[in-house]
Amino acid sequence: MLNAPDKRLALQAYERILELILGGGASPGELVNERRLAETLNMSRTPVRDALLMLEGEGLLLRQGSRGLQVKQMRIEDFLGALQVRLLLEPAVARMSAGKVPVAISASLRAQIAEAQMQDAGQPADRALVRDIDEGLHGAIADTVDNQQLSSIIRTMRRQTQMFDLRSMPERLSDTCLEHLTILDALEAGDGEAAALAMAAHLTRVRDSIISRLAGL
């Protein structure tokens, strides 16, 4: 088991490698070299190794025998499967979270959403900002239920679906902001049923947009 300092370093390495994957710095199908990553991140190989194991556990890296780990090539079937799990779990979790999200977190999310809404229409979405909003909202909801197993499952499924993001769908930015605000409204009002419905509607629209984009509609 990792001690506290080692765990902090591993988490730092995890976040930075995750950003490389989600940001396109490590392409789908690319083999991950532990030594080169450690040099790039200016870290020792031990926390990098621990971080790679975490990412492998989440399904973002796949082991290729003696060749090492490879960035997963996300298929539409993988995306739809992960999103189906999210549709089963996250509305129920949103229902349980109603009235429990801290006021400071809610206010911060609203400020970030307002910033995103100020972007010029048709411009590529600010990937980092959109991810921060998504992480903040969905993460806060999962954290309020105080069930580590459930939070871990949702986190893993969210990572899988983040491979299909708003960078390729800038037209979704405005709708996503409004959907997130609807979820926040319900959470702040303590209306569990409305929160569950808003979350289900949001995830369904994400799924439908991806399918439409891939079908060329």
C-alpha atoms as a PDB file:
ATOM      1  CA  MET A   1       0.000   0.000   0.000  1.00  0.00           C
ATOM      2  CA  LEU A   2       1.279   3.475  -0.885  1.00  0.00           C
ATOM      3  CA  ASN A   3       2.128   5.890   1.909  1.00  0.00           C
ATOM      4  CA  ALA A   4       0.660   9.409   1.791  1.00  0.00           C
ATOM      5  CA  PRO A   5       3.554  11.181  -0.031  1.00  0.00           C
ATOM      6  CA  ASP A   6       3.828   8.368  -2.600  1.00  0.00           C
ATOM      7  CA  LYS A   7       0.074   8.417  -3.138  1.00  0.00           C
ATOM      8  CA  ARG A   8       0.123  12.179  -3.727  1.00  0.00           C
ATOM      9  CA  LEU A   9       2.878  11.820  -6.332  1.00  0.00           C
ATOM     10  CA  ALA A  10       1.033   8.961  -8.033  1.00  0.00           C
ATOM     11  CA  LEU A  11      -2.152  11.057  -8.176  1.00  0.00           C
ATOM     12  CA  GLN A  12      -0.221  13.993  -9.626  1.00  0.00           C
ATOM     13  CA  ALA A  13       1.245  11.703 -12.279  1.00  0.00           C
ATOM     14  CA  TYR A  14      -2.207  10.246 -12.913  1.00  0.00           C
ATOM     15  CA  GLU A  15      -3.767  13.660 -13.524  1.00  0.00           C
ATOM     16  CA  ARG A  16      -1.000  14.739 -15.871  1.00  0.00           C
ATOM     17  CA  ILE A  17      -1.044  11.521 -17.893  1.00  0.00           C
ATOM     18  CA  LEU A  18      -4.838  11.611 -18.015  1.00  0.00           C
ATOM     19  CA  GLU A  19      -4.647  15.138 -19.430  1.00  0.00           C
ATOM     20  CA  LEU A  20      -2.247  13.886 -22.102  1.00  0.00           C
ATOM     21  CA  ILE A  21      -4.711  11.162 -23.075  1.00  0.00           C
ATOM     22  CA  LEU A  22      -7.835  13.314 -23.043  1.00  0.00           C
ATOM     23  CA  GLY A  23      -6.006  16.257 -24.583  1.00  0.00           C
ATOM     24  CA  GLY A  24      -4.728  14.239 -27.522  1.00  0.00           C
ATOM     25  CA  GLY A  25      -1.103  14.303 -26.385  1.00  0.00           C
ATOM     26  CA  ALA A  26      -1.178  10.515 -26.353  1.00  0.00           C
ATOM     27  CA  SER A  27      -3.134   9.224 -29.330  1.00  0.00           C
ATOM     28  CA  PRO A  28      -5.449   6.193 -29.330  1.00  0.00           C
ATOM     29  CA  GLY A  29      -3.429   3.090 -30.119  1.00  0.00           C
ATOM     30  CA  GLU A  30      -0.136   4.705 -29.056  1.00  0.00           C
ATOM     31  CA  LEU A  31       2.165   2.679 -26.830  1.00  0.00           C
ATOM     32  CA  VAL A  32       3.011   4.364 -23.526  1.00  0.00           C
ATOM     33  CA  ASN A  33       6.674   4.380 -22.539  1.00  0.00           C
ATOM     34  CA  GLU A  34       7.123   4.617 -18.766  1.00  0.00           C
ATOM     35  CA  ARG A  35      10.678   5.966 -18.932  1.00  0.00           C
ATOM     36  CA  ARG A  36       9.869   8.672 -21.499  1.00  0.00           C
ATOM     37  CA  LEU A  37       6.762   9.673 -19.564  1.00  0.00           C
ATOM     38  CA  ALA A  38       8.789  10.036 -16.383  1.00  0.00           C
ATOM     39  CA  GLU A  39      11.244  12.285 -18.243  1.00  0.00           C
ATOM     40  CA  THR A  40       8.432  14.342 -19.784  1.00  0.00           C
ATOM     41  CA  LEU A  41       6.725  14.817 -16.417  1.00  0.00           C
ATOM     42  CA  ASN A  42      10.053  15.345 -14.606  1.00  0.00           C
ATOM     43  CA  MET A  43       9.137  12.637 -12.101  1.00  0.00           C
ATOM     44  CA  SER A  44      10.641   9.369 -10.982  1.00  0.00           C
ATOM     45  CA  ARG A  45       9.376   6.184 -12.603  1.00  0.00           C
ATOM     46  CA  THR A  46       7.684   4.842  -9.446  1.00  0.00           C
ATOM     47  CA  PRO A  47       4.743   7.321  -9.296  1.00  0.00           C
ATOM     48  CA  VAL A  48       4.432   7.157 -13.083  1.00  0.00           C
ATOM     49  CA  ARG A  49       4.216   3.358 -12.895  1.00  0.00           C
ATOM     50  CA  ASP A  50       1.554   3.600 -10.175  1.00  0.00           C
ATOM     51  CA  ALA A  51      -0.401   6.131 -12.252  1.00  0.00           C
ATOM     52  CA  LEU A  52      -0.271   3.892 -15.319  1.00  0.00           C
ATOM     53  CA  LEU A  53      -1.674   1.026 -13.269  1.00  0.00           C
ATOM     54  CA  MET A  54      -4.538   3.274 -12.150  1.00  0.00           C
ATOM     55  CA  LEU A  55      -5.304   4.239 -15.743  1.00  0.00           C
ATOM     56  CA  GLU A  56      -5.136   0.606 -16.784  1.00  0.00           C
ATOM     57  CA  GLY A  57      -7.637  -0.197 -14.037  1.00  0.00           C
ATOM     58  CA  GLU A  58      -9.988   2.460 -15.451  1.00  0.00           C
ATOM     59  CA  GLY A  59      -9.744   0.930 -18.912  1.00  0.00           C
ATOM     60  CA  LEU A  60      -8.032   3.881 -20.596  1.00  0.00           C
ATOM     61  CA  LEU A  61      -4.829   1.899 -21.076  1.00  0.00           C
ATOM     62  CA  LEU A  62      -4.676  -1.682 -22.314  1.00  0.00           C
ATOM     63  CA  ARG A  63      -1.811  -4.097 -21.673  1.00  0.00           C
ATOM     64  CA  GLN A  64      -0.252  -5.487 -24.834  1.00  0.00           C
ATOM     65  CA  GLY A  65       1.897  -8.291 -23.406  1.00  0.00           C
ATOM     66  CA  SER A  66       5.596  -7.540 -23.489  1.00  0.00           C
ATOM     67  CA  ARG A  67       4.962  -4.399 -25.538  1.00  0.00           C
ATOM     68  CA  GLY A  68       3.562  -2.632 -22.488  1.00  0.00           C
ATOM     69  CA  LEU A  69       0.511  -0.390 -22.234  1.00  0.00           C
ATOM     70  CA  GLN A  70      -1.421   1.144 -25.106  1.00  0.00           C
ATOM     71  CA  VAL A  71      -3.882   4.048 -25.125  1.00  0.00           C
ATOM     72  CA  LYS A  72      -7.290   2.508 -25.694  1.00  0.00           C
ATOM     73  CA  GLN A  73      -8.905   3.046 -29.065  1.00  0.00           C
ATOM     74  CA  MET A  74     -12.451   3.874 -28.045  1.00  0.00           C
ATOM     75  CA  ARG A  75     -15.080   2.324 -30.291  1.00  0.00           C
ATOM     76  CA  ILE A  76     -18.639   3.613 -30.519  1.00  0.00           C
ATOM     77  CA  GLU A  77     -19.733   0.357 -28.867  1.00  0.00           C
ATOM     78  CA  ASP A  78     -17.482   1.130 -25.898  1.00  0.00           C
ATOM     79  CA  PHE A  79     -18.886   4.643 -25.641  1.00  0.00           C
ATOM     80  CA  LEU A  80     -22.499   3.511 -25.790  1.00  0.00           C
ATOM     81  CA  GLY A  81     -21.885   0.743 -23.262  1.00  0.00           C
ATOM     82  CA  ALA A  82     -20.288   3.130 -20.770  1.00  0.00           C
ATOM     83  CA  LEU A  83     -23.000   5.728 -21.310  1.00  0.00           C
ATOM     84  CA  GLN A  84     -25.690   3.106 -20.727  1.00  0.00           C
ATOM     85  CA  VAL A  85     -24.158   2.390 -17.315  1.00  0.00           C
ATOM     86  CA  ARG A  86     -24.071   6.109 -16.592  1.00  0.00           C
ATOM     87  CA  LEU A  87     -27.740   6.436 -17.560  1.00  0.00           C
ATOM     88  CA  LEU A  88     -28.600   3.697 -15.084  1.00  0.00           C
ATOM     89  CA  LEU A  89     -26.556   5.120 -12.201  1.00  0.00           C
ATOM     90  CA  GLU A  90     -26.206   8.888 -12.445  1.00  0.00           C
ATOM     91  CA  PRO A  91     -29.883   9.895 -12.404  1.00  0.00           C
ATOM     92  CA  ALA A  92     -30.341   7.849  -9.227  1.00  0.00           C
ATOM     93  CA  VAL A  93     -27.249   9.451  -7.699  1.00  0.00           C
ATOM     94  CA  ALA A  94     -28.489  12.929  -8.698  1.00  0.00           C
ATOM     95  CA  ARG A  95     -31.759  12.147  -6.928  1.00  0.00           C
ATOM     96  CA  MET A  96     -29.851  11.250  -3.743  1.00  0.00           C
ATOM     97  CA  SER A  97     -27.655  14.359  -4.062  1.00  0.00           C
ATOM     98  CA  ALA A  98     -30.478  16.894  -4.168  1.00  0.00           C
ATOM     99  CA  GLY A  99     -29.938  19.543  -1.514  1.00  0.00           C
ATOM    100  CA  LYS A 100     -26.529  18.149  -0.541  1.00  0.00           C
ATOM    101  CA  VAL A 101     -24.072  19.797  -2.938  1.00  0.00           C
ATOM    102  CA  PRO A 102     -22.110  22.452  -0.992  1.00  0.00           C
ATOM    103  CA  VAL A 103     -23.103  26.034  -1.776  1.00  0.00           C
ATOM    104  CA  ALA A 104     -19.503  27.030  -2.560  1.00  0.00           C
ATOM    105  CA  ILE A 105     -19.153  24.257  -5.152  1.00  0.00           C
ATOM    106  CA  SER A 106     -22.479  25.126  -6.735  1.00  0.00           C
ATOM    107  CA  ALA A 107     -21.546  28.823  -6.943  1.00  0.00           C
ATOM    108  CA  SER A 108     -18.160  27.994  -8.480  1.00  0.00           C
ATOM    109  CA  LEU A 109     -19.792  25.801 -11.112  1.00  0.00           C
ATOM    110  CA  ARG A 110     -22.261  28.537 -12.001  1.00  0.00           C
ATOM    111  CA  ALA A 111     -19.390  30.992 -12.469  1.00  0.00           C
ATOM    112  CA  GLN A 112     -17.552  28.547 -14.745  1.00  0.00           C
ATOM    113  CA  ILE A 113     -20.695  27.897 -16.786  1.00  0.00           C
ATOM    114  CA  ALA A 114     -21.240  31.651 -17.182  1.00  0.00           C
ATOM    115  CA  GLU A 115     -17.659  31.950 -18.452  1.00  0.00           C
ATOM    116  CA  ALA A 116     -18.231  29.142 -20.968  1.00  0.00           C
ATOM    117  CA  GLN A 117     -21.448  30.784 -22.175  1.00  0.00           C
ATOM    118  CA  MET A 118     -19.541  33.973 -22.971  1.00  0.00           C
ATOM    119  CA  GLN A 119     -17.547  32.222 -25.690  1.00  0.00           C
ATOM    120  CA  ASP A 120     -18.376  33.280 -29.232  1.00  0.00           C
ATOM    121  CA  ALA A 121     -20.927  31.052 -30.912  1.00  0.00           C
ATOM    122  CA  GLY A 122     -19.385  28.503 -33.243  1.00  0.00           C
ATOM    123  CA  GLN A 123     -15.918  28.762 -31.714  1.00  0.00           C
ATOM    124  CA  PRO A 124     -14.224  25.566 -30.491  1.00  0.00           C
ATOM    125  CA  ALA A 125     -15.076  24.866 -26.874  1.00  0.00           C
ATOM    126  CA  ASP A 126     -12.444  25.657 -24.255  1.00  0.00           C
ATOM    127  CA  ARG A 127     -11.583  22.039 -23.579  1.00  0.00           C
ATOM    128  CA  ALA A 128     -10.058  22.631 -20.137  1.00  0.00           C
ATOM    129  CA  LEU A 129     -12.988  24.752 -18.967  1.00  0.00           C
ATOM    130  CA  VAL A 130     -15.606  22.305 -20.238  1.00  0.00           C
ATOM    131  CA  ARG A 131     -13.787  19.435 -18.590  1.00  0.00           C
ATOM    132  CA  ASP A 132     -13.528  21.367 -15.303  1.00  0.00           C
ATOM    133  CA  ILE A 133     -17.266  22.018 -15.335  1.00  0.00           C
ATOM    134  CA  ASP A 134     -18.085  18.432 -16.194  1.00  0.00           C
ATOM    135  CA  GLU A 135     -15.679  17.069 -13.596  1.00  0.00           C
ATOM    136  CA  GLY A 136     -16.927  19.492 -10.968  1.00  0.00           C
ATOM    137  CA  LEU A 137     -20.631  18.861 -11.451  1.00  0.00           C
ATOM    138  CA  HIS A 138     -20.650  15.107 -11.949  1.00  0.00           C
ATOM    139  CA  GLY A 139     -17.908  14.637  -9.366  1.00  0.00           C
ATOM    140  CA  ALA A 140     -19.712  16.707  -6.726  1.00  0.00           C
ATOM    141  CA  ILE A 141     -22.898  14.737  -7.282  1.00  0.00           C
ATOM    142  CA  ALA A 142     -21.122  11.396  -6.942  1.00  0.00           C
ATOM    143  CA  ASP A 143     -19.205  12.537  -3.850  1.00  0.00           C
ATOM    144  CA  THR A 144     -22.319  13.539  -1.902  1.00  0.00           C
ATOM    145  CA  VAL A 145     -23.666   9.969  -1.738  1.00  0.00           C
ATOM    146  CA  ASP A 146     -20.651   8.917   0.358  1.00  0.00           C
ATOM    147  CA  ASN A 147     -20.354   5.560  -1.422  1.00  0.00           C
ATOM    148  CA  GLN A 148     -16.808   5.026  -2.654  1.00  0.00           C
ATOM    149  CA  GLN A 149     -17.701   2.000  -4.754  1.00  0.00           C
ATOM    150  CA  LEU A 150     -20.466   3.834  -6.565  1.00  0.00           C
ATOM    151  CA  SER A 151     -18.296   6.916  -7.073  1.00  0.00           C
ATOM    152  CA  SER A 152     -15.512   4.751  -8.497  1.00  0.00           C
ATOM    153  CA  ILE A 153     -17.821   3.052 -11.003  1.00  0.00           C
ATOM    154  CA  ILE A 154     -19.224   6.380 -12.185  1.00  0.00           C
ATOM    155  CA  ARG A 155     -15.731   7.879 -12.432  1.00  0.00           C
ATOM    156  CA  THR A 156     -14.524   4.956 -14.563  1.00  0.00           C
ATOM    157  CA  MET A 157     -17.525   5.131 -16.893  1.00  0.00           C
ATOM    158  CA  ARG A 158     -17.121   8.895 -17.226  1.00  0.00           C
ATOM    159  CA  ARG A 159     -13.494   8.485 -18.226  1.00  0.00           C
ATOM    160  CA  GLN A 160     -14.597   6.090 -20.955  1.00  0.00           C
ATOM    161  CA  THR A 161     -17.105   8.570 -22.382  1.00  0.00           C
ATOM    162  CA  GLN A 162     -14.716  11.521 -22.128  1.00  0.00           C
ATOM    163  CA  MET A 163     -12.851  10.095 -25.095  1.00  0.00           C
ATOM    164  CA  PHE A 164     -15.767  11.508 -27.141  1.00  0.00           C
ATOM    165  CA  ASP A 165     -15.811  15.151 -26.082  1.00  0.00           C
ATOM    166  CA  LEU A 166     -16.898  18.655 -26.987  1.00  0.00           C
ATOM    167  CA  ARG A 167     -13.709  19.356 -28.925  1.00  0.00           C
ATOM    168  CA  SER A 168     -15.317  17.508 -31.850  1.00  0.00           C
ATOM    169  CA  MET A 169     -18.800  18.885 -31.080  1.00  0.00           C
ATOM    170  CA  PRO A 170     -18.512  22.645 -30.389  1.00  0.00           C
ATOM    171  CA  GLU A 171     -22.211  23.010 -31.200  1.00  0.00           C
ATOM    172  CA  ARG A 172     -22.961  21.114 -27.975  1.00  0.00           C
ATOM    173  CA  LEU A 173     -21.358  23.760 -25.750  1.00  0.00           C
ATOM    174  CA  SER A 174     -24.426  25.985 -25.392  1.00  0.00           C
ATOM    175  CA  ASP A 175     -26.807  23.073 -24.819  1.00  0.00           C
ATOM    176  CA  THR A 176     -24.444  21.465 -22.327  1.00  0.00           C
ATOM    177  CA  CYS A 177     -24.244  24.679 -20.301  1.00  0.00           C
ATOM    178  CA  LEU A 178     -28.035  24.923 -20.155  1.00  0.00           C
ATOM    179  CA  GLU A 179     -28.374  21.244 -19.231  1.00  0.00           C
ATOM    180  CA  HIS A 180     -25.845  21.628 -16.431  1.00  0.00           C
ATOM    181  CA  LEU A 181     -27.686  24.686 -15.121  1.00  0.00           C
ATOM    182  CA  THR A 182     -30.955  22.735 -15.095  1.00  0.00           C
ATOM    183  CA  ILE A 183     -29.296  20.001 -13.041  1.00  0.00           C
ATOM    184  CA  LEU A 184     -27.846  22.587 -10.647  1.00  0.00           C
ATOM    185  CA  ASP A 185     -31.227  24.289 -10.258  1.00  0.00           C
ATOM    186  CA  ALA A 186     -32.823  21.014  -9.200  1.00  0.00           C
ATOM    187  CA  LEU A 187     -29.976  20.111  -6.844  1.00  0.00           C
ATOM    188  CA  GLU A 188     -30.060  23.507  -5.158  1.00  0.00           C
ATOM    189  CA  ALA A 189     -33.846  23.310  -4.805  1.00  0.00           C
ATOM    190  CA  GLY A 190     -33.547  19.914  -3.154  1.00  0.00           C
ATOM    191  CA  ASP A 191     -35.819  18.415  -5.817  1.00  0.00           C
ATOM    192  CA  GLY A 192     -34.518  14.864  -6.235  1.00  0.00           C
ATOM    193  CA  GLU A 193     -36.968  13.843  -8.946  1.00  0.00           C
ATOM    194  CA  ALA A 194     -36.216  16.915 -11.057  1.00  0.00           C
ATOM    195  CA  ALA A 195     -32.468  16.330 -10.606  1.00  0.00           C
ATOM    196  CA  ALA A 196     -32.806  12.718 -11.763  1.00  0.00           C
ATOM    197  CA  LEU A 197     -34.867  13.727 -14.809  1.00  0.00           C
ATOM    198  CA  ALA A 198     -32.447  16.531 -15.716  1.00  0.00           C
ATOM    199  CA  MET A 199     -29.453  14.202 -15.460  1.00  0.00           C
ATOM    200  CA  ALA A 200     -31.146  11.535 -17.591  1.00  0.00           C
ATOM    201  CA  ALA A 201     -32.093  14.134 -20.209  1.00  0.00           C
ATOM    202  CA  HIS A 202     -28.514  15.483 -20.280  1.00  0.00           C
ATOM    203  CA  LEU A 203     -26.901  12.072 -20.770  1.00  0.00           C
ATOM    204  CA  THR A 204     -29.494  11.073 -23.374  1.00  0.00           C
ATOM    205  CA  ARG A 205     -28.747  14.226 -25.380  1.00  0.00           C
ATOM    206  CA  VAL A 206     -25.014  13.539 -25.182  1.00  0.00           C
ATOM    207  CA  ARG A 207     -25.621  10.031 -26.530  1.00  0.00           C
ATOM    208  CA  ASP A 208     -27.937  11.218 -29.307  1.00  0.00           C
ATOM    209  CA  SER A 209     -25.500  13.966 -30.389  1.00  0.00           C
ATOM    210  CA  ILE A 210     -22.622  11.520 -30.670  1.00  0.00           C
ATOM    211  CA  ILE A 211     -24.726   9.061 -32.668  1.00  0.00           C
ATOM    212  CA  SER A 212     -25.914  11.845 -34.988  1.00  0.00           C
ATOM    213  CA  ARG A 213     -22.371  13.101 -35.510  1.00  0.00           C
ATOM    214  CA  LEU A 214     -21.050   9.625 -36.321  1.00  0.00           C
ATOM    215  CA  ALA A 215     -23.991   8.975 -38.664  1.00  0.00           C
ATOM    216  CA  GLY A 216     -23.271  12.260 -40.447  1.00  0.00           C
ATOM    217  CA  LEU A 217     -26.734  13.653 -39.712  1.00  0.00           C
END
